[in-house]
Each structure stands twice: as structure tokens, then as C-alpha cells.
Amino acid sequence: MADVKFNLNSPAKIEILADRHLLGQVYTNLFSNAVEAKGDNGLLEVEIDTIRGDVLIKVSDSGKGILPENVPVIFDPFFTTKEKGTGLGLAIVYNIIKKHQDKIKVSSVPDKGTTFIITLEAGKSGNGRNPNSIILFLRLGNSITHWG
């Protein structure tokens, strides 16, 4: 993923109660898909914000988008439109978010791009949330560092 054009918009610091390893897997899958979808000249955008204590994470690309008939099944295990895809990346993302008892939604326009919006709800303590694990996001220039 060298030479990836991206925009990052986030507060300087956000703390959430979540499993950092599982959320790391979510970001890895979403970022990889976005970079692949955007091609050589596209843009990856990441927005992190808080609303009433909830953390919203938006991952957008300016790629080819997802066909409307595929949107309802993109989180199904083994569904893929890629020649060499396994169809597991978004299924893993979906299951991790649900394990945390949170929400993920997608909007996509063919030939314009796709946006995934994750809402990590304040005050939840779902199965994926270790009460002893707090993720701290710190904005350092144009990158986000997180640790638990």
C-alpha cells in the first residue's frame, strides 16, 4: 500500500472501550479494500468523530463502488466480486462490529465510491469489549496511532 493518497479528519484524542486487536482487524480489512477499490488515482478518506459520546468512523474511497444488487450480500461469508478474493474480509468486519454490539452500514454509488460508517456506541459493554481494554486514538500529523 505504498503511495496511498488519503485524507484524515479526526479529533486529537478519542478513548473507547473495545478490543484493540479486533478493531485493528476491522481497519486492516476496510483500508485494504478501499485502497484496492480506488485504484492508482483515487483517494482514501478516514473520518473519526464523536457524537453524544458515540464514536463514528467513516472509511471512504473514490473507487468503482459496489453494485446496488451486491450491497445486501457484501457481509455474507465467501461473497466476493474479486477474481482472487476469499469473501471473508467484510464478513470478518461485520462479525467483529456485531460482537462489540455496535453498528456498521455502507453506502455506495457505482463509479463514484463507497463509504463504510461504523458507530461504536457509548456505554456499551458487548462481548467484544474487554472492560480492562481502552483504545486511545491519538492524531499524530496525518496518521492515527492507537494502543490499548
N, C-alpha and C. Protein backbone atom coordinates (compact mmCIF):
# COMPACT_ATOMS: atom_id res chain seq x y z
N MET A 1 0.82 -1.19 0.00
CA MET A 1 0.00 0.00 0.00
C MET A 1 0.87 1.25 0.00
N ALA A 2 1.88 1.25 -0.80
CA ALA A 2 2.75 2.42 -0.89
C ALA A 2 2.08 3.52 -1.68
N ASP A 3 2.44 4.75 -1.37
CA ASP A 3 1.94 5.92 -2.09
C ASP A 3 0.42 6.02 -2.12
N VAL A 4 -0.20 5.78 -1.00
CA VAL A 4 -1.65 5.88 -0.91
C VAL A 4 -2.02 7.33 -0.63
N LYS A 5 -2.88 7.89 -1.48
CA LYS A 5 -3.39 9.24 -1.25
C LYS A 5 -4.56 9.13 -0.28
N PHE A 6 -4.48 9.90 0.80
CA PHE A 6 -5.57 9.83 1.76
C PHE A 6 -5.77 11.16 2.47
N ASN A 7 -6.97 11.33 3.00
CA ASN A 7 -7.30 12.45 3.88
C ASN A 7 -7.73 11.85 5.20
N LEU A 8 -7.30 12.47 6.28
CA LEU A 8 -7.67 12.02 7.62
C LEU A 8 -8.23 13.21 8.36
N ASN A 9 -9.41 13.03 8.94
CA ASN A 9 -10.05 14.07 9.72
C ASN A 9 -10.49 13.45 11.04
N SER A 10 -9.90 13.92 12.14
CA SER A 10 -10.25 13.35 13.45
C SER A 10 -9.89 14.33 14.55
N PRO A 11 -10.54 14.15 15.70
CA PRO A 11 -10.11 14.92 16.87
C PRO A 11 -8.69 14.50 17.27
N ALA A 12 -8.08 15.27 18.12
CA ALA A 12 -6.72 14.95 18.55
C ALA A 12 -6.67 13.70 19.41
N LYS A 13 -7.74 13.41 20.16
CA LYS A 13 -7.71 12.27 21.07
C LYS A 13 -9.12 11.73 21.28
N ILE A 14 -9.26 10.39 21.18
CA ILE A 14 -10.53 9.72 21.46
C ILE A 14 -10.21 8.45 22.24
N GLU A 15 -10.98 8.20 23.29
CA GLU A 15 -10.86 6.95 24.02
C GLU A 15 -12.14 6.15 23.88
N ILE A 16 -12.00 4.84 23.60
CA ILE A 16 -13.17 3.97 23.54
C ILE A 16 -12.84 2.66 24.23
N LEU A 17 -13.87 2.00 24.71
CA LEU A 17 -13.74 0.70 25.33
C LEU A 17 -14.00 -0.35 24.25
N ALA A 18 -12.94 -1.07 23.84
CA ALA A 18 -13.08 -2.05 22.76
C ALA A 18 -11.84 -2.93 22.73
N ASP A 19 -11.93 -4.02 22.01
CA ASP A 19 -10.78 -4.91 21.83
C ASP A 19 -9.91 -4.35 20.71
N ARG A 20 -8.74 -3.89 21.04
CA ARG A 20 -7.89 -3.21 20.06
C ARG A 20 -7.44 -4.13 18.94
N HIS A 21 -7.24 -5.42 19.23
CA HIS A 21 -6.81 -6.35 18.20
C HIS A 21 -7.93 -6.60 17.18
N LEU A 22 -9.15 -6.74 17.68
CA LEU A 22 -10.27 -6.95 16.78
C LEU A 22 -10.55 -5.71 15.93
N LEU A 23 -10.52 -4.54 16.55
CA LEU A 23 -10.74 -3.32 15.77
C LEU A 23 -9.60 -3.08 14.78
N GLY A 24 -8.40 -3.48 15.14
CA GLY A 24 -7.28 -3.41 14.20
C GLY A 24 -7.56 -4.24 12.95
N GLN A 25 -8.18 -5.40 13.14
CA GLN A 25 -8.55 -6.25 12.01
C GLN A 25 -9.62 -5.58 11.15
N VAL A 26 -10.56 -4.90 11.80
CA VAL A 26 -11.59 -4.15 11.06
C VAL A 26 -10.93 -3.11 10.16
N TYR A 27 -10.03 -2.31 10.72
CA TYR A 27 -9.38 -1.25 9.95
C TYR A 27 -8.53 -1.84 8.82
N THR A 28 -7.80 -2.90 9.10
CA THR A 28 -6.97 -3.53 8.08
C THR A 28 -7.82 -3.95 6.89
N ASN A 29 -8.95 -4.61 7.15
CA ASN A 29 -9.81 -5.07 6.06
C ASN A 29 -10.44 -3.90 5.30
N LEU A 30 -10.97 -2.92 6.02
CA LEU A 30 -11.62 -1.79 5.33
C LEU A 30 -10.61 -0.96 4.54
N PHE A 31 -9.45 -0.69 5.13
CA PHE A 31 -8.44 0.10 4.42
C PHE A 31 -7.92 -0.64 3.20
N SER A 32 -7.67 -1.94 3.33
CA SER A 32 -7.18 -2.73 2.19
C SER A 32 -8.19 -2.72 1.06
N ASN A 33 -9.46 -2.93 1.38
CA ASN A 33 -10.50 -2.91 0.35
C ASN A 33 -10.58 -1.54 -0.31
N ALA A 34 -10.52 -0.48 0.48
CA ALA A 34 -10.63 0.88 -0.05
C ALA A 34 -9.46 1.20 -0.97
N VAL A 35 -8.26 0.82 -0.56
CA VAL A 35 -7.08 1.10 -1.38
C VAL A 35 -7.16 0.33 -2.70
N GLU A 36 -7.59 -0.92 -2.63
CA GLU A 36 -7.73 -1.71 -3.84
C GLU A 36 -8.82 -1.14 -4.76
N ALA A 37 -9.93 -0.71 -4.19
CA ALA A 37 -11.05 -0.20 -4.98
C ALA A 37 -10.73 1.13 -5.64
N LYS A 38 -9.95 1.97 -4.98
CA LYS A 38 -9.72 3.31 -5.50
C LYS A 38 -8.76 3.33 -6.68
N GLY A 39 -7.98 2.28 -6.85
CA GLY A 39 -7.04 2.25 -7.97
C GLY A 39 -5.87 3.21 -7.74
N ASP A 40 -5.16 3.51 -8.81
CA ASP A 40 -3.94 4.32 -8.71
C ASP A 40 -4.20 5.80 -8.46
N ASN A 41 -5.32 6.32 -8.91
CA ASN A 41 -5.54 7.76 -8.84
C ASN A 41 -6.62 8.17 -7.85
N GLY A 42 -7.18 7.23 -7.13
CA GLY A 42 -8.27 7.54 -6.22
C GLY A 42 -7.78 8.04 -4.87
N LEU A 43 -8.73 8.23 -3.98
CA LEU A 43 -8.47 8.80 -2.67
C LEU A 43 -9.12 7.96 -1.58
N LEU A 44 -8.41 7.73 -0.50
CA LEU A 44 -8.94 7.08 0.69
C LEU A 44 -9.18 8.18 1.72
N GLU A 45 -10.39 8.19 2.29
CA GLU A 45 -10.70 9.19 3.31
C GLU A 45 -11.13 8.48 4.58
N VAL A 46 -10.59 8.96 5.71
CA VAL A 46 -10.95 8.41 7.02
C VAL A 46 -11.37 9.58 7.90
N GLU A 47 -12.57 9.47 8.45
CA GLU A 47 -13.09 10.47 9.38
C GLU A 47 -13.42 9.78 10.69
N ILE A 48 -12.98 10.35 11.78
CA ILE A 48 -13.33 9.85 13.11
C ILE A 48 -13.91 11.03 13.88
N ASP A 49 -15.07 10.81 14.48
CA ASP A 49 -15.72 11.89 15.20
C ASP A 49 -16.52 11.31 16.36
N THR A 50 -16.93 12.17 17.26
CA THR A 50 -17.78 11.75 18.37
C THR A 50 -19.09 12.53 18.31
N ILE A 51 -20.17 11.80 18.57
CA ILE A 51 -21.50 12.41 18.65
C ILE A 51 -22.20 11.82 19.86
N ARG A 52 -22.49 12.68 20.84
CA ARG A 52 -23.13 12.25 22.09
C ARG A 52 -22.40 11.07 22.74
N GLY A 53 -21.09 11.07 22.68
CA GLY A 53 -20.29 10.03 23.29
C GLY A 53 -20.02 8.84 22.40
N ASP A 54 -20.82 8.66 21.33
CA ASP A 54 -20.56 7.58 20.37
C ASP A 54 -19.38 7.98 19.49
N VAL A 55 -18.63 6.99 19.02
CA VAL A 55 -17.54 7.24 18.09
C VAL A 55 -17.97 6.79 16.71
N LEU A 56 -17.90 7.70 15.73
CA LEU A 56 -18.23 7.40 14.34
C LEU A 56 -16.94 7.33 13.54
N ILE A 57 -16.79 6.25 12.80
CA ILE A 57 -15.61 6.06 11.96
C ILE A 57 -16.11 5.85 10.54
N LYS A 58 -15.72 6.75 9.64
CA LYS A 58 -16.11 6.66 8.23
C LYS A 58 -14.87 6.34 7.41
N VAL A 59 -14.97 5.32 6.59
CA VAL A 59 -13.90 4.95 5.68
C VAL A 59 -14.48 5.01 4.28
N SER A 60 -13.95 5.92 3.46
CA SER A 60 -14.50 6.15 2.12
C SER A 60 -13.40 6.01 1.08
N ASP A 61 -13.82 5.56 -0.10
CA ASP A 61 -12.90 5.54 -1.24
C ASP A 61 -13.60 6.15 -2.44
N SER A 62 -12.80 6.55 -3.40
CA SER A 62 -13.34 7.13 -4.64
C SER A 62 -13.21 6.12 -5.77
N GLY A 63 -13.43 4.85 -5.44
CA GLY A 63 -13.25 3.77 -6.41
C GLY A 63 -14.47 3.46 -7.23
N LYS A 64 -14.54 2.22 -7.67
CA LYS A 64 -15.59 1.80 -8.61
C LYS A 64 -16.94 1.60 -7.96
N GLY A 65 -17.01 1.60 -6.65
CA GLY A 65 -18.28 1.43 -5.96
C GLY A 65 -18.75 -0.02 -5.96
N ILE A 66 -19.88 -0.24 -5.31
CA ILE A 66 -20.48 -1.57 -5.21
C ILE A 66 -21.82 -1.51 -5.94
N LEU A 67 -22.06 -2.49 -6.79
CA LEU A 67 -23.33 -2.53 -7.50
C LEU A 67 -24.48 -2.65 -6.50
N PRO A 68 -25.60 -1.96 -6.74
CA PRO A 68 -26.72 -1.98 -5.80
C PRO A 68 -27.19 -3.39 -5.44
N GLU A 69 -27.19 -4.30 -6.40
CA GLU A 69 -27.65 -5.66 -6.11
C GLU A 69 -26.68 -6.44 -5.22
N ASN A 70 -25.44 -5.97 -5.10
CA ASN A 70 -24.46 -6.65 -4.25
C ASN A 70 -24.43 -6.12 -2.81
N VAL A 71 -24.93 -4.91 -2.60
CA VAL A 71 -24.86 -4.30 -1.27
C VAL A 71 -25.48 -5.19 -0.18
N PRO A 72 -26.65 -5.80 -0.39
CA PRO A 72 -27.24 -6.61 0.68
C PRO A 72 -26.43 -7.85 1.07
N VAL A 73 -25.49 -8.28 0.21
CA VAL A 73 -24.77 -9.52 0.49
C VAL A 73 -23.26 -9.33 0.72
N ILE A 74 -22.79 -8.10 0.77
CA ILE A 74 -21.34 -7.90 0.89
C ILE A 74 -20.76 -8.41 2.21
N PHE A 75 -21.60 -8.51 3.26
CA PHE A 75 -21.11 -9.01 4.54
C PHE A 75 -21.27 -10.52 4.69
N ASP A 76 -21.84 -11.17 3.67
CA ASP A 76 -22.01 -12.63 3.72
C ASP A 76 -20.66 -13.32 3.53
N PRO A 77 -20.38 -14.34 4.35
CA PRO A 77 -19.12 -15.08 4.17
C PRO A 77 -19.03 -15.66 2.75
N PHE A 78 -17.86 -15.54 2.19
CA PHE A 78 -17.49 -16.08 0.88
C PHE A 78 -18.08 -15.32 -0.31
N PHE A 79 -18.81 -14.22 -0.07
CA PHE A 79 -19.26 -13.41 -1.19
C PHE A 79 -18.10 -12.53 -1.64
N THR A 80 -17.78 -12.58 -2.91
CA THR A 80 -16.73 -11.72 -3.46
C THR A 80 -17.01 -11.42 -4.92
N THR A 81 -16.53 -10.28 -5.36
CA THR A 81 -16.56 -9.93 -6.77
C THR A 81 -15.13 -9.87 -7.31
N LYS A 82 -14.17 -10.17 -6.44
CA LYS A 82 -12.76 -10.12 -6.85
C LYS A 82 -12.33 -11.46 -7.41
N GLU A 83 -11.49 -11.41 -8.42
CA GLU A 83 -11.02 -12.63 -9.05
C GLU A 83 -10.30 -13.55 -8.06
N LYS A 84 -9.51 -12.97 -7.18
CA LYS A 84 -8.75 -13.77 -6.21
C LYS A 84 -9.19 -13.51 -4.77
N GLY A 85 -10.39 -12.99 -4.58
CA GLY A 85 -10.88 -12.70 -3.24
C GLY A 85 -11.41 -13.94 -2.54
N THR A 86 -11.37 -13.91 -1.21
CA THR A 86 -11.91 -15.03 -0.43
C THR A 86 -13.34 -14.77 0.03
N GLY A 87 -13.74 -13.50 0.04
CA GLY A 87 -15.06 -13.17 0.53
C GLY A 87 -15.15 -13.19 2.04
N LEU A 88 -14.02 -13.12 2.71
CA LEU A 88 -14.03 -13.17 4.18
C LEU A 88 -13.78 -11.83 4.84
N GLY A 89 -13.16 -10.89 4.15
CA GLY A 89 -12.78 -9.61 4.77
C GLY A 89 -13.95 -8.86 5.38
N LEU A 90 -14.98 -8.59 4.58
CA LEU A 90 -16.12 -7.83 5.10
C LEU A 90 -16.98 -8.66 6.05
N ALA A 91 -16.99 -9.98 5.87
CA ALA A 91 -17.70 -10.85 6.83
C ALA A 91 -17.04 -10.76 8.20
N ILE A 92 -15.72 -10.71 8.22
CA ILE A 92 -14.98 -10.56 9.47
C ILE A 92 -15.28 -9.21 10.09
N VAL A 93 -15.24 -8.15 9.28
CA VAL A 93 -15.55 -6.80 9.76
C VAL A 93 -16.93 -6.79 10.42
N TYR A 94 -17.91 -7.31 9.72
CA TYR A 94 -19.29 -7.31 10.21
C TYR A 94 -19.40 -8.07 11.54
N ASN A 95 -18.78 -9.23 11.62
CA ASN A 95 -18.88 -10.03 12.84
C ASN A 95 -18.17 -9.38 14.02
N ILE A 96 -17.06 -8.71 13.78
CA ILE A 96 -16.37 -8.01 14.87
C ILE A 96 -17.23 -6.86 15.39
N ILE A 97 -17.80 -6.09 14.48
CA ILE A 97 -18.64 -4.96 14.90
C ILE A 97 -19.85 -5.47 15.67
N LYS A 98 -20.47 -6.53 15.19
CA LYS A 98 -21.62 -7.10 15.89
C LYS A 98 -21.22 -7.68 17.24
N LYS A 99 -20.03 -8.26 17.32
CA LYS A 99 -19.54 -8.79 18.60
C LYS A 99 -19.41 -7.68 19.64
N HIS A 100 -19.07 -6.51 19.17
CA HIS A 100 -18.99 -5.34 20.06
C HIS A 100 -20.38 -4.73 20.32
N GLN A 101 -21.40 -5.31 19.72
CA GLN A 101 -22.78 -4.82 19.79
C GLN A 101 -22.91 -3.39 19.25
N ASP A 102 -22.21 -3.16 18.15
CA ASP A 102 -22.22 -1.85 17.51
C ASP A 102 -22.82 -1.96 16.12
N LYS A 103 -22.66 -0.90 15.32
CA LYS A 103 -23.33 -0.83 14.02
C LYS A 103 -22.33 -0.54 12.90
N ILE A 104 -22.63 -1.11 11.73
CA ILE A 104 -21.89 -0.77 10.52
C ILE A 104 -22.90 -0.66 9.39
N LYS A 105 -22.72 0.35 8.56
CA LYS A 105 -23.57 0.48 7.38
C LYS A 105 -22.70 0.93 6.21
N VAL A 106 -23.24 0.74 5.03
CA VAL A 106 -22.49 1.06 3.82
C VAL A 106 -23.38 1.86 2.88
N SER A 107 -22.76 2.80 2.20
CA SER A 107 -23.42 3.47 1.09
C SER A 107 -22.44 3.47 -0.07
N SER A 108 -22.96 3.24 -1.25
CA SER A 108 -22.07 3.13 -2.41
C SER A 108 -22.78 3.61 -3.66
N VAL A 109 -22.03 4.25 -4.53
CA VAL A 109 -22.53 4.70 -5.82
C VAL A 109 -21.57 4.15 -6.88
N PRO A 110 -22.08 3.31 -7.78
CA PRO A 110 -21.20 2.77 -8.82
C PRO A 110 -20.44 3.87 -9.55
N ASP A 111 -19.16 3.62 -9.75
CA ASP A 111 -18.23 4.53 -10.43
C ASP A 111 -17.95 5.81 -9.65
N LYS A 112 -18.40 5.91 -8.41
CA LYS A 112 -18.15 7.09 -7.58
C LYS A 112 -17.41 6.72 -6.29
N GLY A 113 -17.75 5.58 -5.69
CA GLY A 113 -17.07 5.19 -4.47
C GLY A 113 -17.99 4.61 -3.42
N THR A 114 -17.38 4.24 -2.30
CA THR A 114 -18.08 3.56 -1.22
C THR A 114 -17.67 4.17 0.12
N THR A 115 -18.63 4.23 1.04
CA THR A 115 -18.36 4.68 2.40
C THR A 115 -18.92 3.67 3.38
N PHE A 116 -18.07 3.23 4.30
CA PHE A 116 -18.49 2.40 5.42
C PHE A 116 -18.53 3.30 6.65
N ILE A 117 -19.61 3.23 7.42
CA ILE A 117 -19.74 4.02 8.64
C ILE A 117 -19.91 3.05 9.81
N ILE A 118 -18.99 3.12 10.73
CA ILE A 118 -19.04 2.31 11.94
C ILE A 118 -19.42 3.22 13.10
N THR A 119 -20.39 2.79 13.89
CA THR A 119 -20.78 3.53 15.08
C THR A 119 -20.45 2.66 16.29
N LEU A 120 -19.51 3.14 17.10
CA LEU A 120 -19.17 2.48 18.36
C LEU A 120 -19.93 3.23 19.45
N GLU A 121 -20.96 2.59 19.96
CA GLU A 121 -21.88 3.28 20.85
C GLU A 121 -21.33 3.43 22.26
N ALA A 122 -21.55 4.61 22.82
CA ALA A 122 -21.09 4.91 24.18
C ALA A 122 -21.83 4.04 25.18
N GLY A 123 -21.14 3.63 26.21
CA GLY A 123 -21.77 2.93 27.31
C GLY A 123 -22.04 1.47 27.07
N LYS A 124 -21.69 0.93 25.91
CA LYS A 124 -21.92 -0.48 25.64
C LYS A 124 -20.78 -1.31 26.22
N SER A 125 -21.11 -2.52 26.62
CA SER A 125 -20.07 -3.44 27.11
C SER A 125 -20.34 -4.82 26.52
N GLY A 126 -20.40 -4.88 25.19
CA GLY A 126 -20.69 -6.13 24.50
C GLY A 126 -19.59 -7.16 24.67
N ASN A 127 -19.81 -8.34 24.11
CA ASN A 127 -18.88 -9.46 24.26
C ASN A 127 -17.47 -9.11 23.80
N GLY A 128 -17.34 -8.28 22.78
CA GLY A 128 -16.03 -7.94 22.26
C GLY A 128 -15.33 -6.84 23.04
N ARG A 129 -16.01 -6.29 24.01
CA ARG A 129 -15.43 -5.18 24.77
C ARG A 129 -14.89 -5.68 26.09
N ASN A 130 -13.61 -5.67 26.18
CA ASN A 130 -12.93 -6.07 27.40
C ASN A 130 -12.94 -4.86 28.32
N PRO A 131 -13.55 -4.95 29.52
CA PRO A 131 -13.65 -3.78 30.39
C PRO A 131 -12.29 -3.26 30.84
N ASN A 132 -11.24 -4.05 30.64
CA ASN A 132 -9.89 -3.62 31.00
C ASN A 132 -9.11 -3.12 29.80
N SER A 133 -9.75 -3.02 28.64
CA SER A 133 -9.07 -2.61 27.42
C SER A 133 -9.67 -1.33 26.88
N ILE A 134 -8.92 -0.27 26.96
CA ILE A 134 -9.34 1.01 26.39
C ILE A 134 -8.43 1.31 25.22
N ILE A 135 -9.04 1.67 24.11
CA ILE A 135 -8.25 2.08 22.96
C ILE A 135 -8.16 3.59 22.98
N LEU A 136 -6.97 4.07 22.84
CA LEU A 136 -6.73 5.50 22.79
C LEU A 136 -6.27 5.84 21.39
N PHE A 137 -7.03 6.67 20.68
CA PHE A 137 -6.64 7.13 19.36
C PHE A 137 -6.00 8.50 19.53
N LEU A 138 -4.82 8.65 19.03
CA LEU A 138 -4.14 9.94 19.03
C LEU A 138 -3.82 10.33 17.61
N ARG A 139 -4.17 11.53 17.25
CA ARG A 139 -3.83 12.01 15.92
C ARG A 139 -2.42 12.59 15.96
N LEU A 140 -1.57 12.02 15.11
CA LEU A 140 -0.18 12.48 15.01
C LEU A 140 0.05 12.89 13.56
N GLY A 141 -0.07 14.17 13.28
CA GLY A 141 0.07 14.62 11.90
C GLY A 141 -1.07 14.04 11.06
N ASN A 142 -0.70 13.32 10.00
CA ASN A 142 -1.70 12.72 9.12
C ASN A 142 -1.86 11.23 9.39
N SER A 143 -1.60 10.79 10.60
CA SER A 143 -1.78 9.38 10.90
C SER A 143 -2.45 9.23 12.25
N ILE A 144 -3.01 8.07 12.48
CA ILE A 144 -3.65 7.75 13.76
C ILE A 144 -2.85 6.63 14.40
N THR A 145 -2.52 6.83 15.64
CA THR A 145 -1.87 5.78 16.41
C THR A 145 -2.87 5.31 17.45
N HIS A 146 -2.96 4.00 17.64
CA HIS A 146 -3.85 3.51 18.68
C HIS A 146 -3.17 2.40 19.45
N TRP A 147 -3.50 2.34 20.71
CA TRP A 147 -2.99 1.26 21.55
C TRP A 147 -3.94 1.07 22.71
N GLY A 148 -3.84 -0.06 23.34
CA GLY A 148 -4.73 -0.36 24.46
C GLY A 148 -3.96 -0.65 25.71
